[in-house]
Amino acid sequence: MNIMTEPNLYDMVVDELLERQRLVRDELHKRFRKAKPFRMEPLSNEEALYEYDTRGFEIFSDIVSKEGIDAAIAYRDRMENLKQRRIK
């Protein structure tokens, strides 16, 4: 009995699940092709400053990893300007 000629049950199950996932993804894409994405309301300045004060470094790191250092510096500058205007 040669082990190499017998189908691997694990591989068969994984292949079947991946095929089902592909079919579901294709069907969802077909049904919602023209749908607009969910609308998200922007944060108010006060909410943005609160998030910046509580999670500033985490947000900065996320922006650096997703959009680059220039976008992160622009975000930091915008938040610092808002903070200065709030203090005055």
C-alpha atoms as a PDB file:
ATOM      1  CA  MET A   1       0.000   0.000   0.000  1.00  0.00           C
ATOM      2  CA  ASN A   2       1.621   3.206  -1.165  1.00  0.00           C
ATOM      3  CA  ILE A   3       0.856   6.290   0.933  1.00  0.00           C
ATOM      4  CA  MET A   4       1.631   8.704  -1.902  1.00  0.00           C
ATOM      5  CA  THR A   5      -1.136   7.380  -4.165  1.00  0.00           C
ATOM      6  CA  GLU A   6      -3.898   7.751  -1.569  1.00  0.00           C
ATOM      7  CA  PRO A   7      -5.595  11.146  -1.481  1.00  0.00           C
ATOM      8  CA  ASN A   8      -4.881  13.193   1.594  1.00  0.00           C
ATOM      9  CA  LEU A   9      -8.180  13.841   3.389  1.00  0.00           C
ATOM     10  CA  TYR A  10      -6.950  17.134   4.847  1.00  0.00           C
ATOM     11  CA  ASP A  11      -5.976  18.478   1.410  1.00  0.00           C
ATOM     12  CA  MET A  12      -9.313  17.402  -0.043  1.00  0.00           C
ATOM     13  CA  VAL A  13     -11.259  19.194   2.702  1.00  0.00           C
ATOM     14  CA  VAL A  14      -9.160  22.351   2.422  1.00  0.00           C
ATOM     15  CA  ASP A  15      -9.549  22.389  -1.362  1.00  0.00           C
ATOM     16  CA  GLU A  16     -13.323  22.003  -1.037  1.00  0.00           C
ATOM     17  CA  LEU A  17     -13.538  24.817   1.528  1.00  0.00           C
ATOM     18  CA  LEU A  18     -11.424  27.130  -0.612  1.00  0.00           C
ATOM     19  CA  GLU A  19     -13.631  26.401  -3.612  1.00  0.00           C
ATOM     20  CA  ARG A  20     -16.776  27.183  -1.598  1.00  0.00           C
ATOM     21  CA  GLN A  21     -15.188  30.389  -0.325  1.00  0.00           C
ATOM     22  CA  ARG A  22     -14.332  31.398  -3.896  1.00  0.00           C
ATOM     23  CA  LEU A  23     -17.910  30.732  -5.026  1.00  0.00           C
ATOM     24  CA  VAL A  24     -19.354  32.783  -2.160  1.00  0.00           C
ATOM     25  CA  ARG A  25     -16.946  35.646  -2.847  1.00  0.00           C
ATOM     26  CA  ASP A  26     -17.831  35.611  -6.556  1.00  0.00           C
ATOM     27  CA  GLU A  27     -21.567  35.603  -5.804  1.00  0.00           C
ATOM     28  CA  LEU A  28     -21.255  38.486  -3.342  1.00  0.00           C
ATOM     29  CA  HIS A  29     -19.205  40.440  -5.840  1.00  0.00           C
ATOM     30  CA  LYS A  30     -21.820  39.832  -8.542  1.00  0.00           C
ATOM     31  CA  ARG A  31     -24.763  40.821  -6.310  1.00  0.00           C
ATOM     32  CA  PHE A  32     -23.231  43.922  -4.758  1.00  0.00           C
ATOM     33  CA  ARG A  33     -21.156  45.191  -7.663  1.00  0.00           C
ATOM     34  CA  LYS A  34     -23.098  48.451  -7.935  1.00  0.00           C
ATOM     35  CA  ALA A  35     -23.672  48.974  -4.206  1.00  0.00           C
ATOM     36  CA  LYS A  36     -22.037  51.973  -2.603  1.00  0.00           C
ATOM     37  CA  PRO A  37     -19.863  51.401   0.453  1.00  0.00           C
ATOM     38  CA  PHE A  38     -21.164  52.246   3.887  1.00  0.00           C
ATOM     39  CA  ARG A  39     -21.028  55.926   4.624  1.00  0.00           C
ATOM     40  CA  MET A  40     -19.011  56.869   7.654  1.00  0.00           C
ATOM     41  CA  GLU A  41     -19.440  60.203   9.336  1.00  0.00           C
ATOM     42  CA  PRO A  42     -16.165  61.991  10.008  1.00  0.00           C
ATOM     43  CA  LEU A  43     -15.149  62.607  13.602  1.00  0.00           C
ATOM     44  CA  SER A  44     -15.743  66.043  15.009  1.00  0.00           C
ATOM     45  CA  ASN A  45     -12.662  68.045  15.967  1.00  0.00           C
ATOM     46  CA  GLU A  46     -13.278  67.327  19.653  1.00  0.00           C
ATOM     47  CA  GLU A  47     -13.594  63.585  19.040  1.00  0.00           C
ATOM     48  CA  ALA A  48     -10.475  63.595  16.851  1.00  0.00           C
ATOM     49  CA  LEU A  49      -8.492  65.435  19.531  1.00  0.00           C
ATOM     50  CA  TYR A  50      -9.676  63.014  22.206  1.00  0.00           C
ATOM     51  CA  GLU A  51      -8.554  60.062  20.069  1.00  0.00           C
ATOM     52  CA  TYR A  52      -5.248  61.816  19.385  1.00  0.00           C
ATOM     53  CA  ASP A  53      -4.682  62.448  23.106  1.00  0.00           C
ATOM     54  CA  THR A  54      -5.540  58.892  24.144  1.00  0.00           C
ATOM     55  CA  ARG A  55      -4.168  56.815  21.247  1.00  0.00           C
ATOM     56  CA  GLY A  56      -1.883  59.228  19.400  1.00  0.00           C
ATOM     57  CA  PHE A  57       1.150  56.992  18.965  1.00  0.00           C
ATOM     58  CA  GLU A  58      -0.948  53.991  17.940  1.00  0.00           C
ATOM     59  CA  ILE A  59      -2.811  56.039  15.324  1.00  0.00           C
ATOM     60  CA  PHE A  60       0.467  57.558  14.097  1.00  0.00           C
ATOM     61  CA  SER A  61       2.003  54.087  13.703  1.00  0.00           C
ATOM     62  CA  ASP A  62      -1.046  52.828  11.794  1.00  0.00           C
ATOM     63  CA  ILE A  63      -0.905  55.773   9.394  1.00  0.00           C
ATOM     64  CA  VAL A  64       2.832  55.254   8.834  1.00  0.00           C
ATOM     65  CA  SER A  65       2.304  51.580   7.992  1.00  0.00           C
ATOM     66  CA  LYS A  66      -0.711  52.167   5.714  1.00  0.00           C
ATOM     67  CA  GLU A  67      -0.094  55.544   4.058  1.00  0.00           C
ATOM     68  CA  GLY A  68       3.526  56.483   4.727  1.00  0.00           C
ATOM     69  CA  ILE A  69       5.442  58.883   6.920  1.00  0.00           C
ATOM     70  CA  ASP A  70       4.330  62.034   5.065  1.00  0.00           C
ATOM     71  CA  ALA A  71       0.649  61.334   5.755  1.00  0.00           C
ATOM     72  CA  ALA A  72       1.437  60.575   9.400  1.00  0.00           C
ATOM     73  CA  ILE A  73       3.336  63.844   9.821  1.00  0.00           C
ATOM     74  CA  ALA A  74       0.457  65.745   8.181  1.00  0.00           C
ATOM     75  CA  TYR A  75      -1.971  64.067  10.613  1.00  0.00           C
ATOM     76  CA  ARG A  76       0.217  64.965  13.599  1.00  0.00           C
ATOM     77  CA  ASP A  77       0.549  68.587  12.423  1.00  0.00           C
ATOM     78  CA  ARG A  78      -3.225  68.868  11.915  1.00  0.00           C
ATOM     79  CA  MET A  79      -3.915  67.532  15.403  1.00  0.00           C
ATOM     80  CA  GLU A  80      -1.331  69.831  16.986  1.00  0.00           C
ATOM     81  CA  ASN A  81      -2.874  72.832  15.173  1.00  0.00           C
ATOM     82  CA  LEU A  82      -6.328  71.845  16.443  1.00  0.00           C
ATOM     83  CA  LYS A  83      -4.933  71.487  19.941  1.00  0.00           C
ATOM     84  CA  GLN A  84      -3.325  74.943  19.786  1.00  0.00           C
ATOM     85  CA  ARG A  85      -6.585  76.505  18.558  1.00  0.00           C
ATOM     86  CA  ARG A  86      -8.487  74.808  21.376  1.00  0.00           C
ATOM     87  CA  ILE A  87      -6.078  76.178  24.003  1.00  0.00           C
ATOM     88  CA  LYS A  88      -6.374  79.793  22.787  1.00  0.00           C
END
